[in-house]
């Protein structure tokens, strides 16, 4: 089983965990979260993320972050040496999270692929009716 860690600006990580618990309560227990507050440095986030990964005890871990290049993502990039294999996927959204939860039993590489596909396939532009009167 691949471990899942969500690192995001507060309160997004906790809010997404609540969504996971609501939708997939039996799977959400494998999800660890870290809300990054304004007073936390990248070093603080890395240290706390490292502790969460070690505490969960998974050989492979997928870390989901909110924004590539921001503190949560930058700190997560440093976690690759914790143990086993750690992959970081940025741009988390609900479909990405749900895919991660539902397929956490798959090998890490397959899980990364599924999570990424969930994220992109979950973004859909609804078409407006062509007749302005129907809008």
Protein backbone atom coordinates (compact mmCIF):
# COMPACT_ATOMS: atom_id res chain seq x y z
CA UNK A 1 0.00 0.00 0.00
CA UNK A 2 1.33 3.41 -0.96
CA UNK A 3 1.18 6.06 1.75
CA UNK A 4 -0.48 9.39 1.02
CA UNK A 5 0.61 12.73 2.43
CA UNK A 6 -1.11 16.00 1.60
CA UNK A 7 0.85 19.21 2.22
CA UNK A 8 -0.95 22.47 1.44
CA UNK A 9 -1.49 26.01 2.62
CA UNK A 10 -3.75 26.08 5.69
CA UNK A 11 -6.56 25.13 5.88
CA UNK A 12 -6.65 23.36 2.49
CA UNK A 13 -4.95 20.14 3.59
CA UNK A 14 -7.39 19.62 6.46
CA UNK A 15 -10.36 20.62 4.30
CA UNK A 16 -9.40 18.06 1.64
CA UNK A 17 -8.99 15.41 4.32
CA UNK A 18 -12.54 16.21 5.49
CA UNK A 19 -13.75 15.72 1.90
CA UNK A 20 -11.89 12.40 1.77
CA UNK A 21 -13.40 11.28 5.09
CA UNK A 22 -16.88 12.23 3.89
CA UNK A 23 -16.61 10.40 0.58
CA UNK A 24 -14.26 7.47 1.30
CA UNK A 25 -14.17 7.07 5.09
CA UNK A 26 -12.55 3.62 4.92
CA UNK A 27 -9.71 4.93 2.69
CA UNK A 28 -9.17 8.32 4.31
CA UNK A 29 -7.42 6.80 7.30
CA UNK A 30 -4.31 6.27 5.16
CA UNK A 31 -4.12 10.01 4.37
CA UNK A 32 -1.80 12.17 6.48
CA UNK A 33 -2.10 15.94 6.18
CA UNK A 34 0.04 18.94 6.94
CA UNK A 35 -1.46 22.43 6.89
CA UNK A 36 1.25 25.00 6.19
CA UNK A 37 0.74 28.23 8.10
CA UNK A 38 2.30 31.61 7.37
CA UNK A 39 4.78 31.28 10.23
CA UNK A 40 6.27 27.99 8.94
CA UNK A 41 9.49 27.92 6.94
CA UNK A 42 10.26 25.34 4.28
CA UNK A 43 12.57 23.70 6.82
CA UNK A 44 9.68 23.46 9.33
CA UNK A 45 7.42 21.93 6.70
CA UNK A 46 10.10 19.47 5.62
CA UNK A 47 10.74 18.39 9.21
CA UNK A 48 7.04 17.86 9.94
CA UNK A 49 6.48 16.10 6.61
CA UNK A 50 9.43 13.81 7.29
CA UNK A 51 7.97 12.91 10.70
CA UNK A 52 4.54 12.15 9.20
CA UNK A 53 6.06 9.89 6.55
CA UNK A 54 8.15 7.98 9.07
CA UNK A 55 5.19 7.69 11.45
CA UNK A 56 2.96 6.20 8.71
CA UNK A 57 5.62 3.58 7.93
CA UNK A 58 4.94 3.10 4.22
CA UNK A 59 7.78 2.11 1.91
CA UNK A 60 6.36 4.22 -0.92
CA UNK A 61 4.69 7.60 -0.46
CA UNK A 62 2.83 9.93 -2.79
CA UNK A 63 2.94 13.53 -1.56
CA UNK A 64 0.24 15.82 -2.95
CA UNK A 65 0.79 19.57 -2.75
CA UNK A 66 -1.32 22.54 -3.74
CA UNK A 67 0.91 24.87 -5.79
CA UNK A 68 4.15 23.98 -7.53
CA UNK A 69 6.94 26.33 -6.46
CA UNK A 70 5.29 27.40 -3.20
CA UNK A 71 6.53 26.44 0.28
CA UNK A 72 4.50 23.19 0.56
CA UNK A 73 5.80 21.93 -2.78
CA UNK A 74 9.37 23.09 -2.21
CA UNK A 75 9.52 21.36 1.17
CA UNK A 76 7.93 18.21 -0.25
CA UNK A 77 10.63 18.00 -2.94
CA UNK A 78 13.17 17.57 -0.14
CA UNK A 79 11.38 14.51 1.26
CA UNK A 80 12.57 12.15 -1.47
CA UNK A 81 15.32 10.70 0.73
CA UNK A 82 13.11 9.79 3.72
CA UNK A 83 12.68 6.09 2.97
CA UNK A 84 11.87 3.94 -0.01
CA UNK A 85 10.36 6.04 -2.73
CA UNK A 86 8.66 9.41 -2.42
CA UNK A 87 7.02 11.14 -5.37
CA UNK A 88 5.54 14.66 -5.30
CA UNK A 89 2.56 15.70 -7.39
CA UNK A 90 1.47 19.36 -7.27
CA UNK A 91 -1.84 20.96 -8.18
CA UNK A 92 -4.02 18.83 -5.91
CA UNK A 93 -7.75 18.90 -6.49
CA UNK A 94 -10.58 16.68 -5.30
CA UNK A 95 -10.55 14.29 -8.29
CA UNK A 96 -6.78 13.82 -7.84
CA UNK A 97 -7.27 13.09 -4.17
CA UNK A 98 -10.10 10.62 -4.79
CA UNK A 99 -8.05 8.76 -7.39
CA UNK A 100 -5.14 8.61 -4.97
CA UNK A 101 -7.33 7.17 -2.24
CA UNK A 102 -9.04 4.63 -4.48
CA UNK A 103 -5.86 3.31 -6.08
CA UNK A 104 -3.39 3.51 -3.18
CA UNK A 105 -3.04 -0.28 -3.39
CA UNK A 106 -1.26 0.09 -6.75
CA UNK A 107 2.51 0.57 -7.13
CA UNK A 108 3.72 4.15 -6.73
CA UNK A 109 4.36 4.76 -10.45
CA UNK A 110 0.85 3.61 -11.37
CA UNK A 111 -0.67 5.66 -8.56
CA UNK A 112 1.11 8.81 -9.76
CA UNK A 113 -0.30 8.22 -13.26
CA UNK A 114 -3.84 7.65 -11.97
CA UNK A 115 -3.73 10.70 -9.66
CA UNK A 116 -2.46 12.92 -12.45
CA UNK A 117 -5.16 11.70 -14.82
CA UNK A 118 -7.82 12.26 -12.17
CA UNK A 119 -6.66 15.83 -11.74
CA UNK A 120 -6.83 16.69 -15.42
CA UNK A 121 -9.96 14.70 -16.22
CA UNK A 122 -11.70 16.34 -13.28
CA UNK A 123 -11.40 19.80 -14.83
CA UNK A 124 -14.37 20.29 -17.15
CA UNK A 125 -15.65 23.47 -18.77
CA UNK A 126 -19.44 23.46 -18.88
CA UNK A 127 -20.74 24.75 -22.16
CA UNK A 128 -23.16 27.66 -22.09
CA UNK A 129 -26.35 27.32 -24.13
CA UNK A 130 -25.96 28.89 -27.58
CA UNK A 131 -29.23 30.80 -27.19
CA UNK A 132 -28.72 33.79 -24.81
CA UNK A 133 -32.34 33.41 -23.63
CA UNK A 134 -31.47 29.95 -22.28
CA UNK A 135 -28.61 31.23 -20.11
